[in-house]
Protein backbone atom coordinates (compact mmCIF):
# COMPACT_ATOMS: atom_id res chain seq x y z
CA UNK A 1 -0.02 0.12 -0.45
CA UNK A 2 1.31 3.44 -0.75
CA UNK A 3 1.76 6.28 1.14
CA UNK A 4 -1.32 8.22 1.46
CA UNK A 5 0.64 11.35 1.54
CA UNK A 6 1.84 11.11 -2.09
CA UNK A 7 -1.84 10.39 -3.83
CA UNK A 8 -2.07 13.03 -6.93
CA UNK A 9 -5.35 10.96 -8.36
CA UNK A 10 -8.58 9.42 -7.28
CA UNK A 11 -10.04 7.30 -9.49
CA UNK A 12 -13.98 7.14 -8.87
CA UNK A 13 -16.46 4.31 -9.97
CA UNK A 14 -19.99 5.71 -9.55
CA UNK A 15 -22.78 2.77 -9.51
CA UNK A 16 -22.41 1.46 -6.13
CA UNK A 17 -19.70 3.58 -5.07
CA UNK A 18 -20.14 7.44 -5.38
CA UNK A 19 -23.91 6.87 -5.87
CA UNK A 20 -26.10 5.52 -3.10
CA UNK A 21 -28.62 2.52 -3.48
CA UNK A 22 -30.84 5.76 -4.07
CA UNK A 23 -29.12 7.02 -6.73
CA UNK A 24 -28.20 9.89 -5.12
CA UNK A 25 -24.49 11.79 -4.51
CA UNK A 26 -24.74 12.34 -0.61
CA UNK A 27 -23.29 15.70 0.26
CA UNK A 28 -20.52 13.75 2.36
CA UNK A 29 -19.13 12.28 -0.81
CA UNK A 30 -19.38 15.52 -2.90
CA UNK A 31 -17.57 17.69 -0.07
CA UNK A 32 -14.62 14.85 0.44
CA UNK A 33 -14.33 15.21 -3.58
CA UNK A 34 -14.35 18.82 -3.51
CA UNK A 35 -11.58 18.83 -0.98
CA UNK A 36 -9.24 16.81 -2.84
CA UNK A 37 -9.75 18.86 -5.81
CA UNK A 38 -9.17 21.87 -3.71
CA UNK A 39 -5.72 19.87 -2.71
CA UNK A 40 -4.50 19.99 -6.17
CA UNK A 41 -5.60 16.16 -6.60
CA UNK A 42 -7.50 15.01 -10.19
CA UNK A 43 -10.40 13.45 -9.52
CA UNK A 44 -11.34 11.15 -12.37
CA UNK A 45 -15.29 9.21 -12.69
CA UNK A 46 -14.51 5.62 -14.05
CA UNK A 47 -17.62 4.00 -14.81
CA UNK A 48 -19.44 1.58 -17.17
CA UNK A 49 -21.94 4.10 -18.25
CA UNK A 50 -21.45 6.13 -21.46
CA UNK A 51 -20.46 9.47 -21.34
CA UNK A 52 -23.77 10.99 -22.24
CA UNK A 53 -25.22 9.13 -18.73
CA UNK A 54 -22.54 11.17 -16.26
CA UNK A 55 -24.51 12.05 -13.31
CA UNK A 56 -25.37 15.83 -13.28
CA UNK A 57 -22.34 16.11 -10.44
CA UNK A 58 -19.98 15.71 -13.52
CA UNK A 59 -21.70 17.16 -16.08
CA UNK A 60 -24.29 19.56 -15.35
CA UNK A 61 -24.99 23.10 -14.44
CA UNK A 62 -24.28 22.16 -10.76
CA UNK A 63 -21.44 20.02 -11.78
CA UNK A 64 -18.44 19.71 -9.35
CA UNK A 65 -15.42 22.11 -10.80
CA UNK A 66 -12.22 20.92 -11.56
CA UNK A 67 -13.16 17.46 -12.44
CA UNK A 68 -11.26 16.95 -15.94
CA UNK A 69 -11.50 13.58 -17.29
CA UNK A 70 -13.82 10.66 -17.13
CA UNK A 71 -13.56 6.92 -17.78
CA UNK A 72 -16.58 5.62 -19.40
CA UNK A 73 -17.65 2.74 -21.03
CA UNK A 74 -15.80 0.24 -18.42
CA UNK A 75 -12.64 1.68 -19.88
CA UNK A 76 -13.42 1.83 -23.81
CA UNK A 77 -13.16 5.51 -23.88
CA UNK A 78 -11.14 8.40 -21.87
CA UNK A 79 -12.56 11.84 -22.66
CA UNK A 80 -12.33 15.44 -21.64
CA UNK A 81 -15.55 16.54 -19.76
CA UNK A 82 -15.70 19.76 -20.45
CA UNK A 83 -15.33 19.56 -24.35
CA UNK A 84 -16.52 15.88 -24.90
CA UNK A 85 -13.40 15.27 -26.85
CA UNK A 86 -12.35 11.54 -26.74
CA UNK A 87 -8.69 11.18 -25.50
CA UNK A 88 -8.55 7.61 -26.18
CA UNK A 89 -10.77 4.78 -26.85
CA UNK A 90 -10.78 0.71 -27.52
CA UNK A 91 -13.52 -0.34 -29.53
CA UNK A 92 -15.22 -3.89 -30.53
CA UNK A 93 -13.23 -5.38 -33.57
CA UNK A 94 -15.70 -5.86 -36.57
CA UNK A 95 -15.06 -9.86 -35.83
CA UNK A 96 -15.66 -9.25 -32.17
CA UNK A 97 -19.22 -8.10 -33.08
CA UNK A 98 -19.58 -10.67 -35.49
CA UNK A 99 -19.11 -13.23 -32.71
CA UNK A 100 -21.94 -12.15 -30.93
CA UNK A 101 -24.26 -10.94 -33.38
CA UNK A 102 -26.50 -14.26 -31.94
CA UNK A 103 -26.81 -12.65 -28.75
CA UNK A 104 -27.66 -9.23 -30.03
CA UNK A 105 -30.27 -10.99 -32.28
CA UNK A 106 -31.91 -12.93 -29.29
CA UNK A 107 -35.34 -11.19 -28.47
CA UNK A 108 -35.20 -12.74 -24.92
CA UNK A 109 -32.19 -10.24 -24.09
CA UNK A 110 -32.09 -6.43 -24.16
CA UNK A 111 -29.25 -5.06 -25.81
CA UNK A 112 -27.60 -1.63 -25.51
CA UNK A 113 -24.58 -0.87 -27.72
CA UNK A 114 -22.28 2.18 -26.59
CA UNK A 115 -21.49 4.08 -29.56
CA UNK A 116 -19.59 7.92 -29.52
CA UNK A 117 -20.37 8.29 -25.43
CA UNK A 118 -24.19 7.47 -26.16
CA UNK A 119 -26.11 4.44 -25.15
CA UNK A 120 -28.56 3.19 -27.89
CA UNK A 121 -31.17 0.76 -27.91
CA UNK A 122 -34.11 -0.84 -30.08
CA UNK A 123 -37.45 1.15 -29.99
CA UNK A 124 -39.02 -1.49 -29.45
CA UNK A 125 -37.00 -2.76 -25.89
CA UNK A 126 -37.30 0.83 -24.94
CA UNK A 127 -40.97 0.97 -24.82
CA UNK A 128 -40.99 -2.28 -23.07
CA UNK A 129 -38.83 -2.02 -20.41
CA UNK A 130 -40.71 -0.71 -17.67
CA UNK A 131 -42.55 -3.93 -17.65
CA UNK A 132 -38.91 -5.59 -17.04
CA UNK A 133 -39.14 -6.39 -13.68
CA UNK A 134 -35.53 -4.81 -13.26
CA UNK A 135 -35.64 -2.42 -9.63
CA UNK A 136 -37.55 0.48 -10.33
CA UNK A 137 -34.30 2.74 -9.96
CA UNK A 138 -32.51 0.78 -13.24
CA UNK A 139 -35.62 1.03 -14.96
CA UNK A 140 -35.86 5.23 -14.54
CA UNK A 141 -31.82 5.50 -15.31
CA UNK A 142 -32.35 3.27 -18.28
CA UNK A 143 -35.40 5.49 -19.71
CA UNK A 144 -33.66 8.75 -18.78
CA UNK A 145 -30.25 7.87 -20.82
CA UNK A 146 -30.60 5.47 -23.48
CA UNK A 147 -31.84 6.67 -27.14
CA UNK A 148 -33.74 4.56 -29.01
CA UNK A 149 -33.59 3.76 -32.63
CA UNK A 150 -36.26 1.95 -34.90
CA UNK A 151 -33.82 -0.94 -35.71
CA UNK A 152 -30.78 -1.53 -33.44
CA UNK A 153 -29.40 -4.08 -36.24
CA UNK A 154 -29.14 -1.15 -38.57
CA UNK A 155 -27.18 0.84 -36.41
CA UNK A 156 -24.81 -2.05 -35.41
CA UNK A 157 -23.86 -2.54 -39.18
CA UNK A 158 -23.49 1.11 -39.64
CA UNK A 159 -21.22 2.02 -37.00
CA UNK A 160 -19.53 -2.13 -36.19
CA UNK A 161 -15.97 -0.58 -36.11
CA UNK A 162 -16.82 1.94 -33.69
CA UNK A 163 -18.65 0.40 -30.96
CA UNK A 164 -16.74 1.06 -27.49
CA UNK A 165 -19.17 -1.61 -25.36
CA UNK A 166 -22.32 -3.84 -25.76
CA UNK A 167 -24.55 -4.10 -22.73
CA UNK A 168 -26.93 -7.49 -22.23
CA UNK A 169 -29.76 -7.09 -20.06
CA UNK A 170 -31.22 -10.65 -18.64
CA UNK A 171 -34.90 -11.13 -17.61
CA UNK A 172 -33.43 -14.68 -17.13
CA UNK A 173 -30.27 -15.59 -14.73
CA UNK A 174 -30.42 -18.73 -15.85
CA UNK A 175 -29.58 -17.96 -19.11
CA UNK A 176 -27.23 -14.82 -18.14
CA UNK A 177 -25.20 -17.70 -16.58
CA UNK A 178 -25.09 -19.71 -19.66
CA UNK A 179 -24.38 -16.85 -21.76
CA UNK A 180 -21.34 -15.97 -19.46
CA UNK A 181 -20.12 -18.94 -19.51
CA UNK A 182 -20.15 -19.85 -23.39
CA UNK A 183 -18.36 -16.60 -23.83
CA UNK A 184 -15.26 -17.10 -21.56
CA UNK A 185 -14.01 -19.10 -24.34
CA UNK A 186 -14.56 -16.26 -26.97
CA UNK A 187 -10.68 -14.51 -27.32
CA UNK A 188 -12.33 -11.93 -29.87
CA UNK A 189 -13.99 -10.10 -26.42
CA UNK A 190 -13.41 -9.71 -23.34
CA UNK A 191 -16.59 -10.26 -20.92
CA UNK A 192 -16.95 -8.31 -17.36
CA UNK A 193 -20.35 -7.56 -15.43
CA UNK A 194 -21.75 -4.82 -13.08
CA UNK A 195 -24.92 -5.80 -12.12
CA UNK A 196 -26.50 -9.14 -10.88
CA UNK A 197 -29.01 -9.03 -14.24
CA UNK A 198 -26.25 -7.78 -16.81
CA UNK A 199 -23.15 -8.70 -18.97
CA UNK A 200 -20.92 -6.26 -20.55
CA UNK A 201 -18.86 -7.02 -23.41
CA UNK A 202 -15.76 -5.03 -25.02
CA UNK A 203 -12.62 -5.49 -26.79
CA UNK A 204 -10.15 -7.77 -25.40
CA UNK A 205 -7.98 -5.93 -22.47
CA UNK A 206 -10.60 -3.21 -22.29
CA UNK A 207 -11.09 -2.69 -18.60
CA UNK A 208 -10.60 0.64 -16.21
CA UNK A 209 -7.48 -0.32 -15.06
CA UNK A 210 -6.18 0.05 -18.77
CA UNK A 211 -7.44 3.21 -19.42
CA UNK A 212 -6.45 4.46 -16.12
CA UNK A 213 -2.97 3.74 -16.92
CA UNK A 214 -3.33 5.82 -20.07
CA UNK A 215 -4.28 8.43 -18.14
CA UNK A 216 -1.84 8.45 -15.72
CA UNK A 217 1.22 8.38 -18.36
CA UNK A 218 -0.70 11.21 -20.03
CA UNK A 219 -0.57 13.23 -16.86
CA UNK A 220 2.79 11.86 -15.80
CA UNK A 221 1.23 10.23 -12.36
CA UNK A 222 2.72 7.73 -11.13
CA UNK A 223 0.81 4.51 -10.19
CA UNK A 224 1.97 4.66 -6.60
CA UNK A 225 0.33 8.15 -6.64
CA UNK A 226 -3.10 6.99 -7.24
CA UNK A 227 -6.06 5.56 -5.30
CA UNK A 228 -9.30 4.09 -6.89
CA UNK A 229 -12.31 3.13 -5.58
CA UNK A 230 -14.94 0.36 -6.59
CA UNK A 231 -17.36 -2.01 -5.73
CA UNK A 232 -17.66 -4.77 -8.79
CA UNK A 233 -16.23 -6.98 -10.78
CA UNK A 234 -15.69 -4.52 -13.38
CA UNK A 235 -13.67 -2.39 -11.10
CA UNK A 236 -11.27 -5.17 -10.34
CA UNK A 237 -8.40 -4.39 -12.64
CA UNK A 238 -8.60 -0.48 -11.64
CA UNK A 239 -8.54 -1.63 -7.73
CA UNK A 240 -5.52 -3.86 -8.82
CA UNK A 241 -3.45 -1.02 -10.65
CA UNK A 242 -3.87 1.68 -7.69
CA UNK A 243 -1.39 2.46 -5.29
CA UNK A 244 -4.25 2.06 -2.91
CA UNK A 245 -6.95 0.05 -3.82
CA UNK A 246 -10.49 0.49 -2.55
CA UNK A 247 -13.68 -1.75 -2.25
CA UNK A 248 -16.79 -0.79 -0.95
CA UNK A 249 -17.86 -2.08 2.10
CA UNK A 250 -21.09 -3.87 0.17
CA UNK A 251 -18.98 -4.40 -2.92
CA UNK A 252 -18.55 -8.26 -4.26
CA UNK A 253 -15.85 -10.44 -3.05
CA UNK A 254 -13.98 -9.91 -6.13
CA UNK A 255 -13.68 -6.39 -5.78
CA UNK A 256 -12.88 -6.85 -2.08
CA UNK A 257 -10.08 -9.53 -2.66
CA UNK A 258 -8.07 -7.20 -4.90
CA UNK A 259 -8.59 -4.40 -2.71
CA UNK A 260 -5.96 -3.08 -0.24
CA UNK A 261 -8.65 -1.46 1.79
CA UNK A 262 -12.45 -2.12 1.96
CA UNK A 263 -14.01 0.99 3.40
CA UNK A 264 -18.02 1.36 4.51
CA UNK A 265 -20.74 0.96 2.07
CA UNK A 266 -22.14 3.28 -0.42
CA UNK A 267 -24.96 4.16 1.87
CA UNK A 268 -22.57 5.17 4.44
CA UNK A 269 -20.42 7.48 2.38
CA UNK A 270 -17.93 4.92 1.79
CA UNK A 271 -16.12 7.01 -0.84
CA UNK A 272 -15.41 9.79 1.50
CA UNK A 273 -14.69 7.89 4.28
CA UNK A 274 -11.47 6.44 2.00
CA UNK A 275 -10.41 10.09 0.99
CA UNK A 276 -10.64 10.94 4.36
CA UNK A 277 -8.64 8.39 5.16
CA UNK A 278 -6.05 8.26 2.72
CA UNK A 279 -5.72 11.99 0.94
CA UNK A 280 -7.34 14.23 3.67
CA UNK A 281 -5.49 12.71 6.76
CA UNK A 282 -2.59 15.00 5.97
CA UNK A 283 -4.84 18.08 6.64
CA UNK A 284 -5.45 16.88 10.25
CA UNK A 285 -8.30 14.73 9.32
């Protein structure tokens, strides 16, 4: 574990980490993030969300000042927040896309395509999603952030070399387990998960840790000068990369096993607790 006094960059997952189970960004977490930025620390949201779905704390009129970069689509994209300029991307190959095409056309699976910072879905899936039986908070998030297109298969063909990631949503958990097992042997794509009902597909080597490493090289920040917080298996590479890797108290066993420290849960301001412990403590915390 690194010396807490040398942290220059904090990478933070959003859902299940910065946000509570009610999908709110608490005042305690916000204050800790703002204090860290005030001390010259880079704070970088690192999420499975598309760029357009960043919460208002990073993209709206009341956004936290001083947050310059975002890692989105599970590491497939690194962007400058103010301008939306794409700095780095790693898209799925046409061959990888073709290898999972049967899943994209399966009517029992809701499919999302992340392209150029936006999540696109079929109009049919969008119109029926309210009846999916998934948690109400996720349904609201989906309906507020997804862009429906008439025929998703046409969209995929048009942009097949520029797809950042794919999110598959399963109503049947048994089918999800089966598909995940099948995808393990597919070397053309990388599979991860951040929710109990989804599978996320990206290019091999695409993960938050790799993109965080790239950003550190751009900013001339050493690995041991970073702290990362996450709660799920799609955060593991980022947690392992960081000089101080932090898992949330309610996080998965995989995330906790990868971490140097397990903080409080997302409903207990676990992010603020970690920042105070490892970054702000030098100021008398």
